C-alpha atoms as a PDB file:
ATOM      1  CA  UNK A   1      82.959 -26.871-157.114  1.00  0.00           C
ATOM      2  CA  UNK A   2      85.959 -25.128-158.688  1.00  0.00           C
ATOM      3  CA  UNK A   3      83.778 -22.086-159.448  1.00  0.00           C
ATOM      4  CA  UNK A   4      82.509 -21.985-155.866  1.00  0.00           C
ATOM      5  CA  UNK A   5      86.084 -22.137-154.611  1.00  0.00           C
ATOM      6  CA  UNK A   6      87.064 -19.201-156.846  1.00  0.00           C
ATOM      7  CA  UNK A   7      84.164 -17.126-155.489  1.00  0.00           C
ATOM      8  CA  UNK A   8      85.055 -18.007-151.890  1.00  0.00           C
ATOM      9  CA  UNK A   9      88.710 -17.097-152.521  1.00  0.00           C
ATOM     10  CA  UNK A  10      87.767 -13.713-154.000  1.00  0.00           C
ATOM     11  CA  UNK A  11      85.560 -12.953-151.002  1.00  0.00           C
ATOM     12  CA  UNK A  12      88.175 -14.186-148.544  1.00  0.00           C
ATOM     13  CA  UNK A  13      90.832 -11.908-150.041  1.00  0.00           C
ATOM     14  CA  UNK A  14      88.644  -8.857-149.374  1.00  0.00           C
ATOM     15  CA  UNK A  15      87.532  -9.978-145.906  1.00  0.00           C
ATOM     16  CA  UNK A  16      89.073  -7.842-143.142  1.00  0.00           C
ATOM     17  CA  UNK A  17      91.581  -9.371-140.734  1.00  0.00           C
ATOM     18  CA  UNK A  18      90.497  -7.189-137.806  1.00  0.00           C
ATOM     19  CA  UNK A  19      88.110  -8.882-135.328  1.00  0.00           C
ATOM     20  CA  UNK A  20      84.500  -8.073-136.250  1.00  0.00           C
ATOM     21  CA  UNK A  21      80.983  -9.444-136.574  1.00  0.00           C
ATOM     22  CA  UNK A  22      80.377 -10.788-140.071  1.00  0.00           C
ATOM     23  CA  UNK A  23      76.847 -10.419-141.415  1.00  0.00           C
ATOM     24  CA  UNK A  24      76.987 -12.899-144.322  1.00  0.00           C
ATOM     25  CA  UNK A  25      73.465 -12.522-145.671  1.00  0.00           C
ATOM     26  CA  UNK A  26      70.462 -10.368-145.030  1.00  0.00           C
ATOM     27  CA  UNK A  27      67.272 -10.533-147.018  1.00  0.00           C
ATOM     28  CA  UNK A  28      63.652  -9.551-146.790  1.00  0.00           C
ATOM     29  CA  UNK A  29      60.720 -11.189-148.541  1.00  0.00           C
ATOM     30  CA  UNK A  30      59.613  -8.974-151.440  1.00  0.00           C
ATOM     31  CA  UNK A  31      56.199  -8.502-149.877  1.00  0.00           C
ATOM     32  CA  UNK A  32      57.783  -7.071-146.728  1.00  0.00           C
ATOM     33  CA  UNK A  33      60.411  -4.863-148.349  1.00  0.00           C
ATOM     34  CA  UNK A  34      60.176  -1.182-147.520  1.00  0.00           C
ATOM     35  CA  UNK A  35      58.329  -1.874-144.258  1.00  0.00           C
ATOM     36  CA  UNK A  36      61.346  -1.708-141.947  1.00  0.00           C
ATOM     37  CA  UNK A  37      61.687  -5.451-141.366  1.00  0.00           C
ATOM     38  CA  UNK A  38      65.253  -5.687-142.683  1.00  0.00           C
ATOM     39  CA  UNK A  39      66.255  -2.514-140.846  1.00  0.00           C
ATOM     40  CA  UNK A  40      64.857  -3.881-137.586  1.00  0.00           C
ATOM     41  CA  UNK A  41      66.775  -7.141-137.969  1.00  0.00           C
ATOM     42  CA  UNK A  42      70.017  -5.343-138.740  1.00  0.00           C
ATOM     43  CA  UNK A  43      69.562  -2.763-135.993  1.00  0.00           C
ATOM     44  CA  UNK A  44      69.106  -5.535-133.436  1.00  0.00           C
ATOM     45  CA  UNK A  45      72.443  -7.074-134.431  1.00  0.00           C
ATOM     46  CA  UNK A  46      74.174  -3.700-134.748  1.00  0.00           C
ATOM     47  CA  UNK A  47      72.968  -2.698-131.274  1.00  0.00           C
ATOM     48  CA  UNK A  48      74.744  -5.773-129.938  1.00  0.00           C
ATOM     49  CA  UNK A  49      77.889  -4.881-131.894  1.00  0.00           C
ATOM     50  CA  UNK A  50      77.751  -1.381-130.399  1.00  0.00           C
ATOM     51  CA  UNK A  51      77.315  -2.672-126.842  1.00  0.00           C
ATOM     52  CA  UNK A  52      80.307  -4.979-127.328  1.00  0.00           C
ATOM     53  CA  UNK A  53      82.384  -2.293-129.058  1.00  0.00           C
ATOM     54  CA  UNK A  54      82.785  -4.505-132.133  1.00  0.00           C
ATOM     55  CA  UNK A  55      82.785  -3.443-135.797  1.00  0.00           C
ATOM     56  CA  UNK A  56      80.587  -5.182-138.375  1.00  0.00           C
ATOM     57  CA  UNK A  57      81.282  -6.277-141.953  1.00  0.00           C
ATOM     58  CA  UNK A  58      79.094  -7.376-144.849  1.00  0.00           C
ATOM     59  CA  UNK A  59      79.137  -7.597-148.618  1.00  0.00           C
ATOM     60  CA  UNK A  60      76.317  -5.993-150.581  1.00  0.00           C
ATOM     61  CA  UNK A  61      75.422  -7.750-153.807  1.00  0.00           C
ATOM     62  CA  UNK A  62      73.272  -4.853-154.987  1.00  0.00           C
ATOM     63  CA  UNK A  63      74.710  -1.372-155.537  1.00  0.00           C
ATOM     64  CA  UNK A  64      71.281   0.170-154.935  1.00  0.00           C
ATOM     65  CA  UNK A  65      71.405  -1.140-151.331  1.00  0.00           C
ATOM     66  CA  UNK A  66      74.569   0.789-150.486  1.00  0.00           C
ATOM     67  CA  UNK A  67      72.678   3.933-149.340  1.00  0.00           C
ATOM     68  CA  UNK A  68      70.515   1.721-147.089  1.00  0.00           C
ATOM     69  CA  UNK A  69      73.609   0.260-145.415  1.00  0.00           C
ATOM     70  CA  UNK A  70      75.253   3.689-145.237  1.00  0.00           C
ATOM     71  CA  UNK A  71      72.201   4.867-143.300  1.00  0.00           C
ATOM     72  CA  UNK A  72      73.034   2.181-140.738  1.00  0.00           C
ATOM     73  CA  UNK A  73      76.611   3.423-140.428  1.00  0.00           C
ATOM     74  CA  UNK A  74      78.377   1.208-142.978  1.00  0.00           C
ATOM     75  CA  UNK A  75      80.797   2.535-145.585  1.00  0.00           C
ATOM     76  CA  UNK A  76      81.826   0.805-148.781  1.00  0.00           C
ATOM     77  CA  UNK A  77      85.500  -0.141-148.724  1.00  0.00           C
ATOM     78  CA  UNK A  78      85.935  -1.239-152.340  1.00  0.00           C
ATOM     79  CA  UNK A  79      84.609  -3.728-154.869  1.00  0.00           C
ATOM     80  CA  UNK A  80      84.931  -7.472-155.178  1.00  0.00           C
ATOM     81  CA  UNK A  81      84.774  -8.594-158.786  1.00  0.00           C
ATOM     82  CA  UNK A  82      83.832 -12.239-158.789  1.00  0.00           C
ATOM     83  CA  UNK A  83      85.640 -14.416-161.319  1.00  0.00           C
ATOM     84  CA  UNK A  84      83.996 -15.700-164.477  1.00  0.00           C
ATOM     85  CA  UNK A  85      81.764 -12.675-164.978  1.00  0.00           C
ATOM     86  CA  UNK A  86      80.041 -13.052-161.616  1.00  0.00           C
ATOM     87  CA  UNK A  87      78.302 -10.113-159.979  1.00  0.00           C
ATOM     88  CA  UNK A  88      80.220  -7.354-158.254  1.00  0.00           C
ATOM     89  CA  UNK A  89      80.044  -7.258-154.473  1.00  0.00           C
ATOM     90  CA  UNK A  90      80.680  -4.194-152.342  1.00  0.00           C
ATOM     91  CA  UNK A  91      82.404  -4.911-149.028  1.00  0.00           C
ATOM     92  CA  UNK A  92      81.101  -2.633-146.291  1.00  0.00           C
ATOM     93  CA  UNK A  93      82.502  -1.852-142.856  1.00  0.00           C
ATOM     94  CA  UNK A  94      80.862  -0.294-139.808  1.00  0.00           C
ATOM     95  CA  UNK A  95      82.654   0.899-136.695  1.00  0.00           C
ATOM     96  CA  UNK A  96      80.706   0.495-133.464  1.00  0.00           C
ATOM     97  CA  UNK A  97      78.697   3.554-132.436  1.00  0.00           C
ATOM     98  CA  UNK A  98      80.358   3.441-129.020  1.00  0.00           C
ATOM     99  CA  UNK A  99      83.958   2.579-129.869  1.00  0.00           C
ATOM    100  CA  UNK A 100      84.999   3.203-126.249  1.00  0.00           C
ATOM    101  CA  UNK A 101      82.914   0.253-124.996  1.00  0.00           C
ATOM    102  CA  UNK A 102      84.954  -2.620-123.544  1.00  0.00           C
ATOM    103  CA  UNK A 103      85.783  -5.527-125.829  1.00  0.00           C
ATOM    104  CA  UNK A 104      84.555  -8.970-124.783  1.00  0.00           C
ATOM    105  CA  UNK A 105      86.848 -11.307-122.946  1.00  0.00           C
END
């Protein structure tokens, strides 16, 4: 439990304060990778973010996925080095495609 708390604290410190949609985990079964399944799932959520005029945030746990997320409009904002030799995470931010859309509520 202490280790989990350290990881959560490291992620929390990097998490943006600005209102946004947080996409905590995205994954595709190995047999379906490269077929557009993950892209379709993300695009559905990102379309909603765009309609609402809301940015999106995620952390990539694999540096080789950064170009994939960049293709969806995300940009890496830094690195999160997890304590105890844990993997590096790359926080990524995406502004809505239609930033002039009205915000909810």
